[in-house]
C-alpha atoms as a PDB file:
ATOM      1  CA  MET A   1     -15.758  -3.707   5.241  1.00  0.00           C
ATOM      2  CA  ILE A   2     -16.310  -6.834   3.358  1.00  0.00           C
ATOM      3  CA  LEU A   3     -14.885 -10.452   4.010  1.00  0.00           C
ATOM      4  CA  TYR A   4     -15.142 -12.804   1.119  1.00  0.00           C
ATOM      5  CA  ARG A   5     -14.259 -16.017   1.048  1.00  0.00           C
ATOM      6  CA  LEU A   6     -12.368 -16.652  -2.332  1.00  0.00           C
ATOM      7  CA  HIS A   7     -11.566 -19.707  -4.705  1.00  0.00           C
ATOM      8  CA  CYS A   8      -8.887 -19.962  -6.770  1.00  0.00           C
ATOM      9  CA  ALA A   9      -7.776 -22.535 -10.297  1.00  0.00           C
ATOM     10  CA  GLN A  10      -6.507 -24.630  -7.987  1.00  0.00           C
ATOM     11  CA  ASP A  11      -8.581 -25.531  -5.484  1.00  0.00           C
ATOM     12  CA  HIS A  12      -7.229 -23.913  -3.150  1.00  0.00           C
ATOM     13  CA  ASP A  13      -9.766 -21.609  -0.112  1.00  0.00           C
ATOM     14  CA  PHE A  14      -9.061 -18.131   1.083  1.00  0.00           C
ATOM     15  CA  GLU A  15     -10.431 -15.412   2.818  1.00  0.00           C
ATOM     16  CA  SER A  16      -9.476 -11.505   2.661  1.00  0.00           C
ATOM     17  CA  TRP A  17     -11.248  -8.191   2.994  1.00  0.00           C
ATOM     18  CA  PHE A  18     -12.021  -5.256   0.356  1.00  0.00           C
ATOM     19  CA  ARG A  19     -13.362  -2.106   1.504  1.00  0.00           C
ATOM     20  CA  ASP A  20     -16.180  -2.806  -0.466  1.00  0.00           C
ATOM     21  CA  SER A  21     -17.275  -5.299  -3.292  1.00  0.00           C
ATOM     22  CA  ALA A  22     -16.208  -2.276  -5.886  1.00  0.00           C
ATOM     23  CA  ALA A  23     -12.640  -2.644  -4.550  1.00  0.00           C
ATOM     24  CA  TYR A  24     -12.691  -5.938  -4.446  1.00  0.00           C
ATOM     25  CA  ASP A  25     -14.025  -5.407  -8.600  1.00  0.00           C
ATOM     26  CA  GLY A  26     -11.150  -3.279  -9.116  1.00  0.00           C
ATOM     27  CA  GLN A  27      -8.048  -5.065  -7.518  1.00  0.00           C
ATOM     28  CA  LYS A  28      -9.137  -8.446  -9.732  1.00  0.00           C
ATOM     29  CA  ALA A  29      -9.400  -6.533 -12.626  1.00  0.00           C
ATOM     30  CA  ARG A  30      -5.764  -5.481 -11.841  1.00  0.00           C
ATOM     31  CA  GLY A  31      -4.656  -9.061 -11.118  1.00  0.00           C
ATOM     32  CA  LEU A  32      -3.699  -8.207  -7.497  1.00  0.00           C
ATOM     33  CA  VAL A  33      -6.229 -10.338  -5.812  1.00  0.00           C
ATOM     34  CA  THR A  34      -3.766 -13.649  -6.217  1.00  0.00           C
ATOM     35  CA  CYS A  35      -4.025 -17.137  -4.101  1.00  0.00           C
ATOM     36  CA  PRO A  36      -1.308 -17.290  -1.230  1.00  0.00           C
ATOM     37  CA  VAL A  37      -0.607 -20.862  -1.776  1.00  0.00           C
ATOM     38  CA  CYS A  38       0.306 -20.877  -5.269  1.00  0.00           C
ATOM     39  CA  GLY A  39       0.109 -17.518  -6.613  1.00  0.00           C
ATOM     40  CA  SER A  40      -2.360 -17.989  -9.025  1.00  0.00           C
ATOM     41  CA  ALA A  41      -4.902 -14.768 -10.315  1.00  0.00           C
ATOM     42  CA  ASP A  42      -6.989 -17.153 -11.383  1.00  0.00           C
ATOM     43  CA  VAL A  43      -9.398 -16.223  -8.288  1.00  0.00           C
ATOM     44  CA  ASP A  44     -13.308 -16.189  -7.902  1.00  0.00           C
ATOM     45  CA  LYS A  45     -15.659 -15.803  -5.086  1.00  0.00           C
ATOM     46  CA  ALA A  46     -16.928 -18.809  -3.278  1.00  0.00           C
ATOM     47  CA  ILE A  47     -20.606 -19.151  -2.207  1.00  0.00           C
ATOM     48  CA  MET A  48     -20.588 -17.730   1.152  1.00  0.00           C
ATOM     49  CA  ALA A  49     -22.910 -15.585   3.915  1.00  0.00           C
ATOM     50  CA  PRO A  50     -20.362 -12.207   3.708  1.00  0.00           C
ATOM     51  CA  ALA A  51     -19.385 -10.618   6.968  1.00  0.00           C
ATOM     52  CA  LEU A  52     -19.568  -7.289   7.275  1.00  0.00           C
ATOM     53  CA  GLY A  53     -16.939  -4.913   9.100  1.00  0.00           C
ATOM     54  CA  ARG A  54     -19.083  -2.551  11.817  1.00  0.00           C
ATOM     55  CA  GLY A  55     -16.183  -0.159  12.479  1.00  0.00           C
ATOM     56  CA  THR A  56     -14.544  -0.892  15.391  1.00  0.00           C
ATOM     57  CA  ARG A  57     -16.882  -3.065  17.044  1.00  0.00           C
ATOM     58  CA  LYS A  58     -15.979  -6.673  17.427  1.00  0.00           C
ATOM     59  CA  ARG A  59     -16.379  -8.961  14.360  1.00  0.00           C
ATOM     60  CA  ASP A  60     -19.408 -10.711  15.237  1.00  0.00           C
ATOM     61  CA  VAL A  61     -20.304 -12.288  11.822  1.00  0.00           C
ATOM     62  CA  GLU A  62     -18.610 -15.210  10.395  1.00  0.00           C
ATOM     63  CA  ALA A  63     -17.657 -16.172   7.204  1.00  0.00           C
ATOM     64  CA  VAL A  64     -19.981 -18.973   6.736  1.00  0.00           C
ATOM     65  CA  PRO A  65     -20.201 -21.098   2.998  1.00  0.00           C
ATOM     66  CA  ALA A  66     -24.037 -21.167   2.324  1.00  0.00           C
ATOM     67  CA  GLU A  67     -23.184 -24.993   1.400  1.00  0.00           C
ATOM     68  CA  ALA A  68     -21.773 -26.090   4.607  1.00  0.00           C
ATOM     69  CA  SER A  69     -24.769 -27.606   6.078  1.00  0.00           C
ATOM     70  CA  SER A  70     -25.189 -30.095   3.372  1.00  0.00           C
ATOM     71  CA  ALA A  71     -22.126 -30.347   2.447  1.00  0.00           C
ATOM     72  CA  PRO A  72     -19.832 -34.109   3.954  1.00  0.00           C
ATOM     73  CA  ALA A  73     -17.315 -33.249   6.354  1.00  0.00           C
ATOM     74  CA  ALA A  74     -14.116 -34.020   3.858  1.00  0.00           C
ATOM     75  CA  ALA A  75     -15.431 -31.223   1.254  1.00  0.00           C
ATOM     76  CA  THR A  76     -14.806 -28.752   3.781  1.00  0.00           C
ATOM     77  CA  ALA A  77     -11.188 -29.658   4.966  1.00  0.00           C
ATOM     78  CA  VAL A  78      -8.353 -27.209   4.889  1.00  0.00           C
ATOM     79  CA  PRO A  79      -5.946 -27.471   1.917  1.00  0.00           C
ATOM     80  CA  VAL A  80      -2.452 -28.294   2.508  1.00  0.00           C
ATOM     81  CA  ALA A  81      -0.517 -25.488   1.269  1.00  0.00           C
ATOM     82  CA  ALA A  82       1.878 -26.291  -1.245  1.00  0.00           C
ATOM     83  CA  GLU A  83       5.485 -25.636  -1.248  1.00  0.00           C
ATOM     84  CA  PRO A  84       6.133 -21.813  -1.147  1.00  0.00           C
ATOM     85  CA  SER A  85       6.624 -20.191  -5.141  1.00  0.00           C
ATOM     86  CA  ALA A  86       9.815 -18.290  -5.627  1.00  0.00           C
ATOM     87  CA  GLN A  87       8.515 -15.542  -6.252  1.00  0.00           C
ATOM     88  CA  PRO A  88       6.555 -14.194  -3.454  1.00  0.00           C
ATOM     89  CA  VAL A  89       2.773 -12.583  -4.234  1.00  0.00           C
ATOM     90  CA  ALA A  90       2.344  -9.901  -5.457  1.00  0.00           C
ATOM     91  CA  LEU A  91       0.620  -6.923  -4.102  1.00  0.00           C
ATOM     92  CA  MET A  92       2.429  -4.272  -6.382  1.00  0.00           C
ATOM     93  CA  SER A  93       2.411  -4.426 -10.265  1.00  0.00           C
ATOM     94  CA  GLU A  94       5.389  -3.976 -11.410  1.00  0.00           C
ATOM     95  CA  ARG A  95       5.751  -0.330 -13.144  1.00  0.00           C
ATOM     96  CA  GLU A  96       4.628   0.324  -9.556  1.00  0.00           C
ATOM     97  CA  GLN A  97       7.420  -1.589  -8.132  1.00  0.00           C
ATOM     98  CA  HIS A  98      10.118   0.383 -10.663  1.00  0.00           C
ATOM     99  CA  VAL A  99       8.337   3.727  -9.883  1.00  0.00           C
ATOM    100  CA  ARG A 100       8.647   3.354  -6.108  1.00  0.00           C
ATOM    101  CA  ALA A 101      12.514   2.107  -6.588  1.00  0.00           C
ATOM    102  CA  MET A 102      13.177   5.411  -8.479  1.00  0.00           C
ATOM    103  CA  LEU A 103      11.700   7.204  -6.195  1.00  0.00           C
ATOM    104  CA  ARG A 104      13.129   5.936  -2.970  1.00  0.00           C
ATOM    105  CA  ALA A 105      16.681   6.325  -5.466  1.00  0.00           C
ATOM    106  CA  VAL A 106      15.601  10.608  -5.673  1.00  0.00           C
ATOM    107  CA  ARG A 107      14.824  10.216  -2.460  1.00  0.00           C
ATOM    108  CA  ALA A 108      18.668   8.892  -1.030  1.00  0.00           C
ATOM    109  CA  HIS A 109      20.466  10.766  -3.085  1.00  0.00           C
ATOM    110  CA  VAL A 110      19.084  13.589  -1.826  1.00  0.00           C
ATOM    111  CA  ILE A 111      19.896  12.783   0.297  1.00  0.00           C
ATOM    112  CA  ALA A 112      23.483  12.364   0.271  1.00  0.00           C
ATOM    113  CA  HIS A 113      23.965  15.177  -1.478  1.00  0.00           C
ATOM    114  CA  SER A 114      22.641  17.569   1.009  1.00  0.00           C
ATOM    115  CA  ASP A 115      22.837  19.477   4.105  1.00  0.00           C
ATOM    116  CA  TYR A 116      19.732  18.362   6.420  1.00  0.00           C
ATOM    117  CA  VAL A 117      19.141  21.566   8.610  1.00  0.00           C
ATOM    118  CA  GLY A 118      15.711  19.968  10.412  1.00  0.00           C
ATOM    119  CA  ASP A 119      12.888  23.146  11.546  1.00  0.00           C
ATOM    120  CA  GLU A 120      15.376  25.775  10.300  1.00  0.00           C
ATOM    121  CA  PHE A 121      14.870  24.810   6.680  1.00  0.00           C
ATOM    122  CA  ALA A 122      12.478  27.496   5.662  1.00  0.00           C
ATOM    123  CA  ARG A 123      14.820  30.223   7.569  1.00  0.00           C
ATOM    124  CA  LEU A 124      17.733  28.916   6.021  1.00  0.00           C
ATOM    125  CA  ALA A 125      16.477  28.537   2.458  1.00  0.00           C
ATOM    126  CA  ARG A 126      15.145  32.220   2.433  1.00  0.00           C
ATOM    127  CA  ARG A 127      18.569  33.762   3.609  1.00  0.00           C
ATOM    128  CA  MET A 128      20.918  31.483   0.890  1.00  0.00           C
ATOM    129  CA  HIS A 129      17.914  33.588  -1.746  1.00  0.00           C
ATOM    130  CA  GLU A 130      18.925  36.737  -0.410  1.00  0.00           C
ATOM    131  CA  GLY A 131      22.625  36.064  -0.486  1.00  0.00           C
ATOM    132  CA  GLU A 132      22.584  36.356   3.293  1.00  0.00           C
ATOM    133  CA  GLU A 133      23.777  32.896   3.558  1.00  0.00           C
ATOM    134  CA  GLU A 134      26.230  30.253   1.090  1.00  0.00           C
ATOM    135  CA  GLN A 135      24.164  28.475  -1.369  1.00  0.00           C
ATOM    136  CA  ARG A 136      24.716  24.837  -1.066  1.00  0.00           C
ATOM    137  CA  ALA A 137      21.666  22.065  -1.346  1.00  0.00           C
ATOM    138  CA  ILE A 138      19.802  21.789   2.146  1.00  0.00           C
ATOM    139  CA  HIS A 139      17.135  19.307   3.433  1.00  0.00           C
ATOM    140  CA  GLY A 140      14.635  19.645   6.449  1.00  0.00           C
ATOM    141  CA  GLU A 141      10.769  20.409   7.580  1.00  0.00           C
ATOM    142  CA  ALA A 142       8.981  23.428   7.240  1.00  0.00           C
ATOM    143  CA  THR A 143       5.305  24.459   8.043  1.00  0.00           C
ATOM    144  CA  PRO A 144       3.028  24.406   4.855  1.00  0.00           C
ATOM    145  CA  ASP A 145       2.616  28.749   6.039  1.00  0.00           C
ATOM    146  CA  GLU A 146       6.352  28.400   5.618  1.00  0.00           C
ATOM    147  CA  VAL A 147       6.762  26.287   2.448  1.00  0.00           C
ATOM    148  CA  ARG A 148       3.791  28.970   0.968  1.00  0.00           C
ATOM    149  CA  ALA A 149       5.394  31.878   1.796  1.00  0.00           C
ATOM    150  CA  LEU A 150       8.465  30.866   0.000  1.00  0.00           C
ATOM    151  CA  VAL A 151       6.532  29.862  -2.842  1.00  0.00           C
ATOM    152  CA  GLU A 152       4.890  33.764  -2.794  1.00  0.00           C
ATOM    153  CA  ASP A 153       8.354  34.764  -2.753  1.00  0.00           C
ATOM    154  CA  GLU A 154      10.077  32.495  -5.830  1.00  0.00           C
ATOM    155  CA  ILE A 155      12.186  30.983  -3.241  1.00  0.00           C
ATOM    156  CA  GLU A 156      12.464  27.354  -4.934  1.00  0.00           C
ATOM    157  CA  VAL A 157      11.709  24.353  -3.100  1.00  0.00           C
ATOM    158  CA  LEU A 158      10.554  21.006  -3.379  1.00  0.00           C
ATOM    159  CA  PRO A 159       8.995  18.293  -1.103  1.00  0.00           C
ATOM    160  CA  LEU A 160      11.249  15.137  -0.712  1.00  0.00           C
ATOM    161  CA  PRO A 161       8.678  12.191  -1.985  1.00  0.00           C
ATOM    162  CA  VAL A 162       7.327  10.130   0.808  1.00  0.00           C
ATOM    163  CA  LEU A 163       6.915   6.306  -0.199  1.00  0.00           C
ATOM    164  CA  PRO A 164       3.561   5.070   1.351  1.00  0.00           C
ATOM    165  CA  ASP A 165       5.965   2.094   3.413  1.00  0.00           C
ATOM    166  CA  GLU A 166       7.465   4.764   5.251  1.00  0.00           C
ATOM    167  CA  ARG A 167       3.546   6.157   6.373  1.00  0.00           C
ATOM    168  CA  ASN A 168       2.675   2.912   7.783  1.00  0.00           C
END
């Protein structure tokens, strides 16, 4: 991990962590690095001594401006935050937001129109396929081995989409 000191076109300074310099470059190229004060995507790295994350150890290196010793105190003052913009700073592109909304809608539709059977899913799906149980839409949990066995026996199963925010 690396901590960069960043500067936007509106003269706001802020800091942000990135996995590495390539992660910063990729996010900047996609317009994901924006000023938290004004929302501007016109952001560049400021002159600094970068702080590197060191695993689970405490952060013992601070980001220090290279010009701090020679710059006047007034020049290093923290800018006053502007009024919050009507639009929040987007961490996802509009397309990704749209895809996630569609996945969320598919998941909600399936859950609303099927019966939750918990860990009985694989057993009930097999019984329905073999005609021992009345056919109906179900959802539940199955182990990877259970899913593999169902697929090998040509029993159609699909996972429900899991959204990234459900894993956090």
